[in-house]
Amino acid sequence: MKKGIHPDYHQVVFQDSSTGFKFLSSSTKNSEETVEFEGNTYPLIRVEVTSDSHPFYTGKQKFTQADGAVDRFNKKYGFSNN
């Protein structure tokens, strides 16, 4: 690996803006804002969505059922699937 061409890779704390959930990870992003986390001080990166607030992970995801062409035809002309 060439020296001097790669960004600084360090530990940062990401915080979900909507829930306040924090987790420690490694990143090349940096921030002037810092936070105490598990006894150490780390840069704080605020994010809008994490696994704590995303509907897929919280189980609040809404599924929409798209009817197929045959279903639309049967519905339009009054045929039933029975």
Protein backbone atom coordinates (compact mmCIF):
# COMPACT_ATOMS: atom_id res chain seq x y z
CA MET A 1 0.00 0.00 0.00
CA LYS A 2 1.42 3.40 -0.97
CA LYS A 3 2.01 5.81 1.88
CA GLY A 4 0.43 9.26 1.96
CA ILE A 5 -2.42 8.62 -0.51
CA HIS A 6 -5.02 7.07 1.81
CA PRO A 7 -7.33 9.07 4.10
CA ASP A 8 -7.06 8.72 7.88
CA TYR A 9 -9.17 5.77 9.03
CA HIS A 10 -10.23 6.14 12.66
CA GLN A 11 -12.95 5.34 15.19
CA VAL A 12 -16.03 7.62 15.24
CA VAL A 13 -19.44 7.54 16.91
CA PHE A 14 -22.50 7.71 14.68
CA GLN A 15 -25.72 9.06 16.22
CA ASP A 16 -29.23 8.64 14.80
CA SER A 17 -30.82 12.11 14.74
CA SER A 18 -34.36 10.82 15.25
CA THR A 19 -33.82 8.26 18.03
CA GLY A 20 -30.53 9.28 19.65
CA PHE A 21 -29.11 5.75 19.14
CA LYS A 22 -25.27 5.79 19.08
CA PHE A 23 -22.79 3.23 17.84
CA LEU A 24 -19.03 3.09 17.41
CA SER A 25 -17.55 2.30 14.02
CA SER A 26 -14.52 3.12 11.89
CA SER A 27 -14.68 5.76 9.18
CA THR A 28 -12.67 8.25 7.18
CA LYS A 29 -15.22 10.99 8.03
CA ASN A 30 -14.23 13.54 10.62
CA SER A 31 -16.14 16.03 12.74
CA GLU A 32 -15.39 18.99 14.97
CA GLU A 33 -18.09 17.75 17.36
CA THR A 34 -16.99 15.11 19.90
CA VAL A 35 -18.80 12.82 22.32
CA GLU A 36 -17.89 10.63 25.31
CA PHE A 37 -18.65 6.99 24.47
CA GLU A 38 -17.68 3.99 26.63
CA GLY A 39 -15.09 6.04 28.51
CA ASN A 40 -13.31 7.56 25.49
CA THR A 41 -13.78 10.71 23.41
CA TYR A 42 -14.59 10.23 19.72
CA PRO A 43 -15.68 12.46 16.82
CA LEU A 44 -19.50 12.50 16.50
CA ILE A 45 -21.19 12.05 13.11
CA ARG A 46 -24.96 12.66 13.06
CA VAL A 47 -26.95 10.59 10.56
CA GLU A 48 -30.65 10.65 9.65
CA VAL A 49 -31.29 6.89 9.45
CA THR A 50 -29.76 3.88 11.20
CA SER A 51 -30.96 0.35 11.87
CA ASP A 52 -32.62 1.76 15.00
CA SER A 53 -35.01 3.97 13.00
CA HIS A 54 -35.23 2.44 9.50
CA PRO A 55 -38.67 0.87 8.86
CA PHE A 56 -37.14 -2.34 7.47
CA TYR A 57 -35.34 -3.08 10.75
CA THR A 58 -38.04 -1.78 13.11
CA GLY A 59 -40.79 -3.89 11.52
CA LYS A 60 -42.90 -0.86 10.60
CA GLN A 61 -42.36 -1.21 6.87
CA LYS A 62 -45.48 -1.02 4.74
CA PHE A 63 -45.82 -3.40 1.84
CA THR A 64 -47.99 -2.49 -1.11
CA GLN A 65 -49.41 -5.28 -3.20
CA ALA A 66 -49.20 -4.63 -6.91
CA ASP A 67 -51.86 -6.46 -8.86
CA GLY A 68 -50.78 -8.35 -11.93
CA ALA A 69 -52.32 -7.95 -15.39
CA VAL A 70 -54.56 -11.02 -14.98
CA ASP A 71 -55.82 -9.84 -11.58
CA ARG A 72 -56.62 -6.39 -12.97
CA PHE A 73 -58.50 -7.96 -15.91
CA ASN A 74 -60.52 -10.24 -13.62
CA LYS A 75 -61.30 -7.35 -11.29
CA LYS A 76 -62.32 -5.08 -14.18
CA TYR A 77 -64.63 -7.59 -15.86
CA GLY A 78 -66.03 -9.16 -12.68
CA PHE A 79 -64.43 -12.59 -12.85
CA SER A 80 -63.60 -14.24 -9.55
CA ASN A 81 -60.83 -16.68 -8.74
CA ASN A 82 -63.21 -19.15 -7.00
